[in-house]
Amino acid sequence: AIPHLTCEIWSHKRAVPDGYSHPRVKL
């Protein structure tokens, strides 16, 4: 669901798999 959200998204690198990247998600 996360890639379909229209808002800016913040998280940290421990919360996603290694190498994860999405233009709307700031890690």
mmCIF file of all heavy atoms, coordinates in Angstrom:
data_MODEL
# 
_entry.id   MODEL 
# 
loop_
_atom_site.group_PDB 
_atom_site.id 
_atom_site.type_symbol 
_atom_site.label_atom_id 
_atom_site.label_alt_id 
_atom_site.label_comp_id 
_atom_site.label_asym_id 
_atom_site.label_entity_id 
_atom_site.label_seq_id 
_atom_site.pdbx_PDB_ins_code 
_atom_site.Cartn_x 
_atom_site.Cartn_y 
_atom_site.Cartn_z 
_atom_site.occupancy 
_atom_site.B_iso_or_equiv 
_atom_site.pdbx_formal_charge 
_atom_site.auth_seq_id 
_atom_site.auth_comp_id 
_atom_site.auth_asym_id 
_atom_site.auth_atom_id 
_atom_site.pdbx_PDB_model_num 
ATOM 1   N N   . ALA A 1 1  ? 0.822  -1.214 0.000  1.00 0.00 ? 1  ALA A N   1 
ATOM 2   C CA  . ALA A 1 1  ? 0.000  0.000  0.000  1.00 0.00 ? 1  ALA A CA  1 
ATOM 3   C C   . ALA A 1 1  ? 0.853  1.260  0.000  1.00 0.00 ? 1  ALA A C   1 
ATOM 4   O O   . ALA A 1 1  ? 0.441  2.295  -0.549 1.00 0.00 ? 1  ALA A O   1 
ATOM 5   C CB  . ALA A 1 1  ? -0.921 0.008  1.217  1.00 0.00 ? 1  ALA A CB  1 
ATOM 6   N N   . ILE A 1 2  ? 2.034  1.195  0.611  1.00 0.00 ? 2  ILE A N   1 
ATOM 7   C CA  . ILE A 1 2  ? 2.873  2.381  0.779  1.00 0.00 ? 2  ILE A CA  1 
ATOM 8   C C   . ILE A 1 2  ? 3.168  3.094  -0.547 1.00 0.00 ? 2  ILE A C   1 
ATOM 9   O O   . ILE A 1 2  ? 3.055  4.327  -0.626 1.00 0.00 ? 2  ILE A O   1 
ATOM 10  C CB  . ILE A 1 2  ? 4.165  2.016  1.528  1.00 0.00 ? 2  ILE A CB  1 
ATOM 11  C CG1 . ILE A 1 2  ? 3.847  1.682  2.989  1.00 0.00 ? 2  ILE A CG1 1 
ATOM 12  C CG2 . ILE A 1 2  ? 5.186  3.156  1.454  1.00 0.00 ? 2  ILE A CG2 1 
ATOM 13  C CD1 . ILE A 1 2  ? 5.019  1.127  3.776  1.00 0.00 ? 2  ILE A CD1 1 
ATOM 14  N N   . PRO A 1 3  ? 3.524  2.381  -1.647 1.00 0.00 ? 3  PRO A N   1 
ATOM 15  C CA  . PRO A 1 3  ? 3.834  3.090  -2.897 1.00 0.00 ? 3  PRO A CA  1 
ATOM 16  C C   . PRO A 1 3  ? 2.651  3.831  -3.501 1.00 0.00 ? 3  PRO A C   1 
ATOM 17  O O   . PRO A 1 3  ? 2.839  4.711  -4.350 1.00 0.00 ? 3  PRO A O   1 
ATOM 18  C CB  . PRO A 1 3  ? 4.295  1.954  -3.831 1.00 0.00 ? 3  PRO A CB  1 
ATOM 19  C CG  . PRO A 1 3  ? 4.723  0.851  -2.919 1.00 0.00 ? 3  PRO A CG  1 
ATOM 20  C CD  . PRO A 1 3  ? 3.792  0.938  -1.747 1.00 0.00 ? 3  PRO A CD  1 
ATOM 21  N N   . HIS A 1 4  ? 1.437  3.500  -3.082 1.00 0.00 ? 4  HIS A N   1 
ATOM 22  C CA  . HIS A 1 4  ? 0.250  4.128  -3.653 1.00 0.00 ? 4  HIS A CA  1 
ATOM 23  C C   . HIS A 1 4  ? -0.210 5.359  -2.867 1.00 0.00 ? 4  HIS A C   1 
ATOM 24  O O   . HIS A 1 4  ? -1.137 6.047  -3.294 1.00 0.00 ? 4  HIS A O   1 
ATOM 25  C CB  . HIS A 1 4  ? -0.890 3.113  -3.729 1.00 0.00 ? 4  HIS A CB  1 
ATOM 26  C CG  . HIS A 1 4  ? -0.572 1.920  -4.587 1.00 0.00 ? 4  HIS A CG  1 
ATOM 27  N ND1 . HIS A 1 4  ? -0.504 1.991  -5.963 1.00 0.00 ? 4  HIS A ND1 1 
ATOM 28  C CD2 . HIS A 1 4  ? -0.271 0.640  -4.254 1.00 0.00 ? 4  HIS A CD2 1 
ATOM 29  C CE1 . HIS A 1 4  ? -0.192 0.799  -6.456 1.00 0.00 ? 4  HIS A CE1 1 
ATOM 30  N NE2 . HIS A 1 4  ? -0.035 -0.035 -5.434 1.00 0.00 ? 4  HIS A NE2 1 
ATOM 31  N N   . LEU A 1 5  ? 0.427  5.621  -1.739 1.00 0.00 ? 5  LEU A N   1 
ATOM 32  C CA  . LEU A 1 5  ? 0.075  6.805  -0.968 1.00 0.00 ? 5  LEU A CA  1 
ATOM 33  C C   . LEU A 1 5  ? 0.569  8.059  -1.685 1.00 0.00 ? 5  LEU A C   1 
ATOM 34  O O   . LEU A 1 5  ? 1.613  8.044  -2.341 1.00 0.00 ? 5  LEU A O   1 
ATOM 35  C CB  . LEU A 1 5  ? 0.679  6.723  0.435  1.00 0.00 ? 5  LEU A CB  1 
ATOM 36  C CG  . LEU A 1 5  ? 0.205  5.555  1.303  1.00 0.00 ? 5  LEU A CG  1 
ATOM 37  C CD1 . LEU A 1 5  ? 0.965  5.536  2.628  1.00 0.00 ? 5  LEU A CD1 1 
ATOM 38  C CD2 . LEU A 1 5  ? -1.286 5.621  1.555  1.00 0.00 ? 5  LEU A CD2 1 
ATOM 39  N N   . THR A 1 6  ? -0.178 9.133  -1.555 1.00 0.00 ? 6  THR A N   1 
ATOM 40  C CA  . THR A 1 6  ? 0.200  10.375 -2.228 1.00 0.00 ? 6  THR A CA  1 
ATOM 41  C C   . THR A 1 6  ? 0.993  11.320 -1.328 1.00 0.00 ? 6  THR A C   1 
ATOM 42  O O   . THR A 1 6  ? 1.512  12.330 -1.801 1.00 0.00 ? 6  THR A O   1 
ATOM 43  C CB  . THR A 1 6  ? -1.052 11.112 -2.733 1.00 0.00 ? 6  THR A CB  1 
ATOM 44  O OG1 . THR A 1 6  ? -1.920 11.393 -1.626 1.00 0.00 ? 6  THR A OG1 1 
ATOM 45  C CG2 . THR A 1 6  ? -1.793 10.269 -3.765 1.00 0.00 ? 6  THR A CG2 1 
ATOM 46  N N   . CYS A 1 7  ? 1.072  11.007 -0.042 1.00 0.00 ? 7  CYS A N   1 
ATOM 47  C CA  . CYS A 1 7  ? 1.791  11.884 0.878  1.00 0.00 ? 7  CYS A CA  1 
ATOM 48  C C   . CYS A 1 7  ? 3.284  11.578 0.870  1.00 0.00 ? 7  CYS A C   1 
ATOM 49  O O   . CYS A 1 7  ? 3.723  10.518 0.433  1.00 0.00 ? 7  CYS A O   1 
ATOM 50  C CB  . CYS A 1 7  ? 1.240  11.739 2.298  1.00 0.00 ? 7  CYS A CB  1 
ATOM 51  S SG  . CYS A 1 7  ? 1.462  10.091 3.024  1.00 0.00 ? 7  CYS A SG  1 
ATOM 52  N N   . GLU A 1 8  ? 4.048  12.530 1.365  1.00 0.00 ? 8  GLU A N   1 
ATOM 53  C CA  . GLU A 1 8  ? 5.458  12.301 1.625  1.00 0.00 ? 8  GLU A CA  1 
ATOM 54  C C   . GLU A 1 8  ? 5.564  11.329 2.803  1.00 0.00 ? 8  GLU A C   1 
ATOM 55  O O   . GLU A 1 8  ? 4.749  11.386 3.721  1.00 0.00 ? 8  GLU A O   1 
ATOM 56  C CB  . GLU A 1 8  ? 6.103  13.638 1.980  1.00 0.00 ? 8  GLU A CB  1 
ATOM 57  C CG  . GLU A 1 8  ? 7.564  13.576 2.349  1.00 0.00 ? 8  GLU A CG  1 
ATOM 58  C CD  . GLU A 1 8  ? 8.085  14.941 2.753  1.00 0.00 ? 8  GLU A CD  1 
ATOM 59  O OE1 . GLU A 1 8  ? 7.580  15.515 3.741  1.00 0.00 ? 8  GLU A OE1 1 
ATOM 60  O OE2 . GLU A 1 8  ? 8.995  15.441 2.078  1.00 0.00 ? 8  GLU A OE2 1 
ATOM 61  N N   . ILE A 1 9  ? 6.552  10.434 2.777  1.00 0.00 ? 9  ILE A N   1 
ATOM 62  C CA  . ILE A 1 9  ? 6.669  9.421  3.821  1.00 0.00 ? 9  ILE A CA  1 
ATOM 63  C C   . ILE A 1 9  ? 8.094  9.426  4.380  1.00 0.00 ? 9  ILE A C   1 
ATOM 64  O O   . ILE A 1 9  ? 9.065  9.477  3.629  1.00 0.00 ? 9  ILE A O   1 
ATOM 65  C CB  . ILE A 1 9  ? 6.339  8.014  3.280  1.00 0.00 ? 9  ILE A CB  1 
ATOM 66  C CG1 . ILE A 1 9  ? 4.931  7.997  2.677  1.00 0.00 ? 9  ILE A CG1 1 
ATOM 67  C CG2 . ILE A 1 9  ? 6.453  6.962  4.383  1.00 0.00 ? 9  ILE A CG2 1 
ATOM 68  C CD1 . ILE A 1 9  ? 4.627  6.747  1.879  1.00 0.00 ? 9  ILE A CD1 1 
ATOM 69  N N   . TRP A 1 10 ? 8.167  9.382  5.717  1.00 0.00 ? 10 TRP A N   1 
ATOM 70  C CA  . TRP A 1 10 ? 9.459  9.303  6.392  1.00 0.00 ? 10 TRP A CA  1 
ATOM 71  C C   . TRP A 1 10 ? 9.552  7.998  7.184  1.00 0.00 ? 10 TRP A C   1 
ATOM 72  O O   . TRP A 1 10 ? 8.580  7.555  7.783  1.00 0.00 ? 10 TRP A O   1 
ATOM 73  C CB  . TRP A 1 10 ? 9.625  10.469 7.361  1.00 0.00 ? 10 TRP A CB  1 
ATOM 74  C CG  . TRP A 1 10 ? 9.840  11.794 6.699  1.00 0.00 ? 10 TRP A CG  1 
ATOM 75  C CD1 . TRP A 1 10 ? 8.934  12.500 5.968  1.00 0.00 ? 10 TRP A CD1 1 
ATOM 76  C CD2 . TRP A 1 10 ? 11.030 12.573 6.721  1.00 0.00 ? 10 TRP A CD2 1 
ATOM 77  N NE1 . TRP A 1 10 ? 9.481  13.674 5.532  1.00 0.00 ? 10 TRP A NE1 1 
ATOM 78  C CE2 . TRP A 1 10 ? 10.766 13.749 5.987  1.00 0.00 ? 10 TRP A CE2 1 
ATOM 79  C CE3 . TRP A 1 10 ? 12.288 12.398 7.311  1.00 0.00 ? 10 TRP A CE3 1 
ATOM 80  C CZ2 . TRP A 1 10 ? 11.717 14.749 5.812  1.00 0.00 ? 10 TRP A CZ2 1 
ATOM 81  C CZ3 . TRP A 1 10 ? 13.227 13.399 7.146  1.00 0.00 ? 10 TRP A CZ3 1 
ATOM 82  C CH2 . TRP A 1 10 ? 12.946 14.553 6.393  1.00 0.00 ? 10 TRP A CH2 1 
ATOM 83  N N   . SER A 1 11 ? 10.746 7.430  7.173  1.00 0.00 ? 11 SER A N   1 
ATOM 84  C CA  . SER A 1 11 ? 10.983 6.233  7.978  1.00 0.00 ? 11 SER A CA  1 
ATOM 85  C C   . SER A 1 11 ? 12.483 6.159  8.255  1.00 0.00 ? 11 SER A C   1 
ATOM 86  O O   . SER A 1 11 ? 13.214 7.109  7.981  1.00 0.00 ? 11 SER A O   1 
ATOM 87  C CB  . SER A 1 11 ? 10.489 4.981  7.239  1.00 0.00 ? 11 SER A CB  1 
ATOM 88  O OG  . SER A 1 11 ? 10.579 3.849  8.094  1.00 0.00 ? 11 SER A OG  1 
ATOM 89  N N   . HIS A 1 12 ? 12.935 5.037  8.819  1.00 0.00 ? 12 HIS A N   1 
ATOM 90  C CA  . HIS A 1 12 ? 14.372 4.857  8.970  1.00 0.00 ? 12 HIS A CA  1 
ATOM 91  C C   . HIS A 1 12 ? 14.786 3.526  8.372  1.00 0.00 ? 12 HIS A C   1 
ATOM 92  O O   . HIS A 1 12 ? 13.950 2.672  8.061  1.00 0.00 ? 12 HIS A O   1 
ATOM 93  C CB  . HIS A 1 12 ? 14.828 5.004  10.423 1.00 0.00 ? 12 HIS A CB  1 
ATOM 94  C CG  . HIS A 1 12 ? 14.315 3.964  11.369 1.00 0.00 ? 12 HIS A CG  1 
ATOM 95  N ND1 . HIS A 1 12 ? 14.657 2.642  11.288 1.00 0.00 ? 12 HIS A ND1 1 
ATOM 96  C CD2 . HIS A 1 12 ? 13.490 4.068  12.435 1.00 0.00 ? 12 HIS A CD2 1 
ATOM 97  C CE1 . HIS A 1 12 ? 14.078 1.967  12.254 1.00 0.00 ? 12 HIS A CE1 1 
ATOM 98  N NE2 . HIS A 1 12 ? 13.359 2.799  12.964 1.00 0.00 ? 12 HIS A NE2 1 
ATOM 99  N N   . LYS A 1 13 ? 16.076 3.379  8.159  1.00 0.00 ? 13 LYS A N   1 
ATOM 100 C CA  . LYS A 1 13 ? 16.572 2.270  7.358  1.00 0.00 ? 13 LYS A CA  1 
ATOM 101 C C   . LYS A 1 13 ? 16.360 0.910  8.006  1.00 0.00 ? 13 LYS A C   1 
ATOM 102 O O   . LYS A 1 13 ? 16.356 -0.107 7.321  1.00 0.00 ? 13 LYS A O   1 
ATOM 103 C CB  . LYS A 1 13 ? 18.056 2.495  7.043  1.00 0.00 ? 13 LYS A CB  1 
ATOM 104 C CG  . LYS A 1 13 ? 18.264 3.702  6.136  1.00 0.00 ? 13 LYS A CG  1 
ATOM 105 C CD  . LYS A 1 13 ? 19.716 3.904  5.766  1.00 0.00 ? 13 LYS A CD  1 
ATOM 106 C CE  . LYS A 1 13 ? 19.874 5.102  4.828  1.00 0.00 ? 13 LYS A CE  1 
ATOM 107 N NZ  . LYS A 1 13 ? 21.288 5.331  4.456  1.00 0.00 ? 13 LYS A NZ  1 
ATOM 108 N N   . ARG A 1 14 ? 16.150 0.890  9.322  1.00 0.00 ? 14 ARG A N   1 
ATOM 109 C CA  . ARG A 1 14 ? 15.903 -0.396 9.974  1.00 0.00 ? 14 ARG A CA  1 
ATOM 110 C C   . ARG A 1 14 ? 14.479 -0.890 9.739  1.00 0.00 ? 14 ARG A C   1 
ATOM 111 O O   . ARG A 1 14 ? 14.178 -2.047 10.005 1.00 0.00 ? 14 ARG A O   1 
ATOM 112 C CB  . ARG A 1 14 ? 16.132 -0.266 11.473 1.00 0.00 ? 14 ARG A CB  1 
ATOM 113 C CG  . ARG A 1 14 ? 17.545 0.110  11.872 1.00 0.00 ? 14 ARG A CG  1 
ATOM 114 C CD  . ARG A 1 14 ? 17.667 0.108  13.375 1.00 0.00 ? 14 ARG A CD  1 
ATOM 115 N NE  . ARG A 1 14 ? 18.766 0.937  13.828 1.00 0.00 ? 14 ARG A NE  1 
ATOM 116 C CZ  . ARG A 1 14 ? 18.991 1.210  15.102 1.00 0.00 ? 14 ARG A CZ  1 
ATOM 117 N NH1 . ARG A 1 14 ? 18.180 0.737  16.024 1.00 0.00 ? 14 ARG A NH1 1 
ATOM 118 N NH2 . ARG A 1 14 ? 20.008 1.967  15.454 1.00 0.00 ? 14 ARG A NH2 1 
ATOM 119 N N   . ALA A 1 15 ? 13.603 -0.013 9.280  1.00 0.00 ? 15 ALA A N   1 
ATOM 120 C CA  . ALA A 1 15 ? 12.194 -0.378 9.130  1.00 0.00 ? 15 ALA A CA  1 
ATOM 121 C C   . ALA A 1 15 ? 11.868 -0.952 7.761  1.00 0.00 ? 15 ALA A C   1 
ATOM 122 O O   . ALA A 1 15 ? 10.724 -1.352 7.513  1.00 0.00 ? 15 ALA A O   1 
ATOM 123 C CB  . ALA A 1 15 ? 11.309 0.837  9.391  1.00 0.00 ? 15 ALA A CB  1 
ATOM 124 N N   . VAL A 1 16 ? 12.849 -1.003 6.866  1.00 0.00 ? 16 VAL A N   1 
ATOM 125 C CA  . VAL A 1 16 ? 12.616 -1.501 5.510  1.00 0.00 ? 16 VAL A CA  1 
ATOM 126 C C   . VAL A 1 16 ? 13.730 -2.486 5.152  1.00 0.00 ? 16 VAL A C   1 
ATOM 127 O O   . VAL A 1 16 ? 14.783 -2.506 5.796  1.00 0.00 ? 16 VAL A O   1 
ATOM 128 C CB  . VAL A 1 16 ? 12.585 -0.336 4.497  1.00 0.00 ? 16 VAL A CB  1 
ATOM 129 C CG1 . VAL A 1 16 ? 11.413 0.595  4.792  1.00 0.00 ? 16 VAL A CG1 1 
ATOM 130 C CG2 . VAL A 1 16 ? 13.898 0.428  4.501  1.00 0.00 ? 16 VAL A CG2 1 
ATOM 131 N N   . PRO A 1 17 ? 13.538 -3.297 4.127  1.00 0.00 ? 17 PRO A N   1 
ATOM 132 C CA  . PRO A 1 17 ? 14.591 -4.237 3.729  1.00 0.00 ? 17 PRO A CA  1 
ATOM 133 C C   . PRO A 1 17 ? 15.833 -3.509 3.225  1.00 0.00 ? 17 PRO A C   1 
ATOM 134 O O   . PRO A 1 17 ? 15.760 -2.364 2.746  1.00 0.00 ? 17 PRO A O   1 
ATOM 135 C CB  . PRO A 1 17 ? 13.931 -5.039 2.591  1.00 0.00 ? 17 PRO A CB  1 
ATOM 136 C CG  . PRO A 1 17 ? 12.466 -4.819 2.745  1.00 0.00 ? 17 PRO A CG  1 
ATOM 137 C CD  . PRO A 1 17 ? 12.302 -3.464 3.338  1.00 0.00 ? 17 PRO A CD  1 
ATOM 138 N N   . ASP A 1 18 ? 16.971 -4.150 3.316  1.00 0.00 ? 18 ASP A N   1 
ATOM 139 C CA  . ASP A 1 18 ? 18.211 -3.585 2.797  1.00 0.00 ? 18 ASP A CA  1 
ATOM 140 C C   . ASP A 1 18 ? 18.046 -3.263 1.315  1.00 0.00 ? 18 ASP A C   1 
ATOM 141 O O   . ASP A 1 18 ? 17.520 -4.068 0.541  1.00 0.00 ? 18 ASP A O   1 
ATOM 142 C CB  . ASP A 1 18 ? 19.369 -4.567 2.977  1.00 0.00 ? 18 ASP A CB  1 
ATOM 143 C CG  . ASP A 1 18 ? 19.761 -4.739 4.437  1.00 0.00 ? 18 ASP A CG  1 
ATOM 144 O OD1 . ASP A 1 18 ? 19.376 -3.874 5.249  1.00 0.00 ? 18 ASP A OD1 1 
ATOM 145 O OD2 . ASP A 1 18 ? 20.442 -5.735 4.755  1.00 0.00 ? 18 ASP A OD2 1 
ATOM 146 N N   . GLY A 1 19 ? 18.487 -2.087 0.940  1.00 0.00 ? 19 GLY A N   1 
ATOM 147 C CA  . GLY A 1 19 ? 18.420 -1.700 -0.461 1.00 0.00 ? 19 GLY A CA  1 
ATOM 148 C C   . GLY A 1 19 ? 17.089 -1.122 -0.902 1.00 0.00 ? 19 GLY A C   1 
ATOM 149 O O   . GLY A 1 19 ? 16.931 -0.749 -2.066 1.00 0.00 ? 19 GLY A O   1 
ATOM 150 N N   . TYR A 1 20 ? 16.126 -1.015 0.020  1.00 0.00 ? 20 TYR A N   1 
ATOM 151 C CA  . TYR A 1 20 ? 14.805 -0.494 -0.351 1.00 0.00 ? 20 TYR A CA  1 
ATOM 152 C C   . TYR A 1 20 ? 14.918 0.964  -0.788 1.00 0.00 ? 20 TYR A C   1 
ATOM 153 O O   . TYR A 1 20 ? 15.635 1.756  -0.200 1.00 0.00 ? 20 TYR A O   1 
ATOM 154 C CB  . TYR A 1 20 ? 13.846 -0.581 0.832  1.00 0.00 ? 20 TYR A CB  1 
ATOM 155 C CG  . TYR A 1 20 ? 12.479 0.022  0.565  1.00 0.00 ? 20 TYR A CG  1 
ATOM 156 C CD1 . TYR A 1 20 ? 11.502 -0.708 -0.090 1.00 0.00 ? 20 TYR A CD1 1 
ATOM 157 C CD2 . TYR A 1 20 ? 12.183 1.330  0.954  1.00 0.00 ? 20 TYR A CD2 1 
ATOM 158 C CE1 . TYR A 1 20 ? 10.243 -0.170 -0.339 1.00 0.00 ? 20 TYR A CE1 1 
ATOM 159 C CE2 . TYR A 1 20 ? 10.927 1.879  0.712  1.00 0.00 ? 20 TYR A CE2 1 
ATOM 160 C CZ  . TYR A 1 20 ? 9.970  1.128  0.060  1.00 0.00 ? 20 TYR A CZ  1 
ATOM 161 O OH  . TYR A 1 20 ? 8.736  1.669  -0.188 1.00 0.00 ? 20 TYR A OH  1 
ATOM 162 N N   . SER A 1 21 ? 14.189 1.287  -1.841 1.00 0.00 ? 21 SER A N   1 
ATOM 163 C CA  . SER A 1 21 ? 14.195 2.660  -2.335 1.00 0.00 ? 21 SER A CA  1 
ATOM 164 C C   . SER A 1 21 ? 12.852 2.972  -2.979 1.00 0.00 ? 21 SER A C   1 
ATOM 165 O O   . SER A 1 21 ? 12.298 2.138  -3.704 1.00 0.00 ? 21 SER A O   1 
ATOM 166 C CB  . SER A 1 21 ? 15.318 2.856  -3.367 1.00 0.00 ? 21 SER A CB  1 
ATOM 167 O OG  . SER A 1 21 ? 15.272 4.153  -3.906 1.00 0.00 ? 21 SER A OG  1 
ATOM 168 N N   . HIS A 1 22 ? 12.313 4.131  -2.662 1.00 0.00 ? 22 HIS A N   1 
ATOM 169 C CA  . HIS A 1 22 ? 11.099 4.629  -3.309 1.00 0.00 ? 22 HIS A CA  1 
ATOM 170 C C   . HIS A 1 22 ? 11.186 6.152  -3.305 1.00 0.00 ? 22 HIS A C   1 
ATOM 171 O O   . HIS A 1 22 ? 11.569 6.752  -2.297 1.00 0.00 ? 22 HIS A O   1 
ATOM 172 C CB  . HIS A 1 22 ? 9.844  4.159  -2.580 1.00 0.00 ? 22 HIS A CB  1 
ATOM 173 C CG  . HIS A 1 22 ? 8.588  4.476  -3.320 1.00 0.00 ? 22 HIS A CG  1 
ATOM 174 N ND1 . HIS A 1 22 ? 7.984  5.710  -3.251 1.00 0.00 ? 22 HIS A ND1 1 
ATOM 175 C CD2 . HIS A 1 22 ? 7.835  3.740  -4.177 1.00 0.00 ? 22 HIS A CD2 1 
ATOM 176 C CE1 . HIS A 1 22 ? 6.900  5.705  -4.018 1.00 0.00 ? 22 HIS A CE1 1 
ATOM 177 N NE2 . HIS A 1 22 ? 6.793  4.533  -4.587 1.00 0.00 ? 22 HIS A NE2 1 
ATOM 178 N N   . PRO A 1 23 ? 10.846 6.794  -4.432 1.00 0.00 ? 23 PRO A N   1 
ATOM 179 C CA  . PRO A 1 23 ? 11.033 8.251  -4.507 1.00 0.00 ? 23 PRO A CA  1 
ATOM 180 C C   . PRO A 1 23 ? 10.241 9.046  -3.484 1.00 0.00 ? 23 PRO A C   1 
ATOM 181 O O   . PRO A 1 23 ? 10.612 10.174 -3.157 1.00 0.00 ? 23 PRO A O   1 
ATOM 182 C CB  . PRO A 1 23 ? 10.574 8.591  -5.938 1.00 0.00 ? 23 PRO A CB  1 
ATOM 183 C CG  . PRO A 1 23 ? 9.757  7.413  -6.384 1.00 0.00 ? 23 PRO A CG  1 
ATOM 184 C CD  . PRO A 1 23 ? 10.344 6.237  -5.688 1.00 0.00 ? 23 PRO A CD  1 
ATOM 185 N N   . ARG A 1 24 ? 9.170  8.475  -2.951 1.00 0.00 ? 24 ARG A N   1 
ATOM 186 C CA  . ARG A 1 24 ? 8.348  9.216  -1.996 1.00 0.00 ? 24 ARG A CA  1 
ATOM 187 C C   . ARG A 1 24 ? 8.743  8.924  -0.546 1.00 0.00 ? 24 ARG A C   1 
ATOM 188 O O   . ARG A 1 24 ? 8.265  9.579  0.374  1.00 0.00 ? 24 ARG A O   1 
ATOM 189 C CB  . ARG A 1 24 ? 6.865  8.888  -2.205 1.00 0.00 ? 24 ARG A CB  1 
ATOM 190 C CG  . ARG A 1 24 ? 5.926  9.938  -1.599 1.00 0.00 ? 24 ARG A CG  1 
ATOM 191 C CD  . ARG A 1 24 ? 4.472  9.697  -1.987 1.00 0.00 ? 24 ARG A CD  1 
ATOM 192 N NE  . ARG A 1 24 ? 4.283  9.937  -3.402 1.00 0.00 ? 24 ARG A NE  1 
ATOM 193 C CZ  . ARG A 1 24 ? 3.876  9.023  -4.271 1.00 0.00 ? 24 ARG A CZ  1 
ATOM 194 N NH1 . ARG A 1 24 ? 3.614  7.795  -3.864 1.00 0.00 ? 24 ARG A NH1 1 
ATOM 195 N NH2 . ARG A 1 24 ? 3.736  9.313  -5.539 1.00 0.00 ? 24 ARG A NH2 1 
ATOM 196 N N   . VAL A 1 25 ? 9.583  7.927  -0.332 1.00 0.00 ? 25 VAL A N   1 
ATOM 197 C CA  . VAL A 1 25 ? 9.951  7.520  1.023  1.00 0.00 ? 25 VAL A CA  1 
ATOM 198 C C   . VAL A 1 25 ? 11.343 8.033  1.366  1.00 0.00 ? 25 VAL A C   1 
ATOM 199 O O   . VAL A 1 25 ? 12.321 7.708  0.683  1.00 0.00 ? 25 VAL A O   1 
ATOM 200 C CB  . VAL A 1 25 ? 9.905  5.989  1.178  1.00 0.00 ? 25 VAL A CB  1 
ATOM 201 C CG1 . VAL A 1 25 ? 10.279 5.582  2.602  1.00 0.00 ? 25 VAL A CG1 1 
ATOM 202 C CG2 . VAL A 1 25 ? 8.527  5.448  0.817  1.00 0.00 ? 25 VAL A CG2 1 
ATOM 203 N N   . LYS A 1 26 ? 11.425 8.849  2.406  1.00 0.00 ? 26 LYS A N   1 
ATOM 204 C CA  . LYS A 1 26 ? 12.703 9.380  2.864  1.00 0.00 ? 26 LYS A CA  1 
ATOM 205 C C   . LYS A 1 26 ? 13.217 8.498  4.004  1.00 0.00 ? 26 LYS A C   1 
ATOM 206 O O   . LYS A 1 26 ? 12.550 8.350  5.023  1.00 0.00 ? 26 LYS A O   1 
ATOM 207 C CB  . LYS A 1 26 ? 12.540 10.829 3.348  1.00 0.00 ? 26 LYS A CB  1 
ATOM 208 C CG  . LYS A 1 26 ? 12.033 11.789 2.273  1.00 0.00 ? 26 LYS A CG  1 
ATOM 209 C CD  . LYS A 1 26 ? 11.889 13.186 2.833  1.00 0.00 ? 26 LYS A CD  1 
ATOM 210 C CE  . LYS A 1 26 ? 11.306 14.138 1.803  1.00 0.00 ? 26 LYS A CE  1 
ATOM 211 N NZ  . LYS A 1 26 ? 12.173 14.311 0.634  1.00 0.00 ? 26 LYS A NZ  1 
ATOM 212 N N   . LEU A 1 27 ? 14.375 7.911  3.806  1.00 0.00 ? 27 LEU A N   1 
ATOM 213 C CA  . LEU A 1 27 ? 14.945 7.014  4.804  1.00 0.00 ? 27 LEU A CA  1 
ATOM 214 C C   . LEU A 1 27 ? 16.109 7.701  5.510  1.00 0.00 ? 27 LEU A C   1 
ATOM 215 O O   . LEU A 1 27 ? 17.028 8.213  4.882  1.00 0.00 ? 27 LEU A O   1 
ATOM 216 C CB  . LEU A 1 27 ? 15.437 5.729  4.140  1.00 0.00 ? 27 LEU A CB  1 
ATOM 217 C CG  . LEU A 1 27 ? 14.362 4.869  3.469  1.00 0.00 ? 27 LEU A CG  1 
ATOM 218 C CD1 . LEU A 1 27 ? 14.998 3.669  2.791  1.00 0.00 ? 27 LEU A CD1 1 
ATOM 219 C CD2 . LEU A 1 27 ? 13.319 4.423  4.490  1.00 0.00 ? 27 LEU A CD2 1 
# 
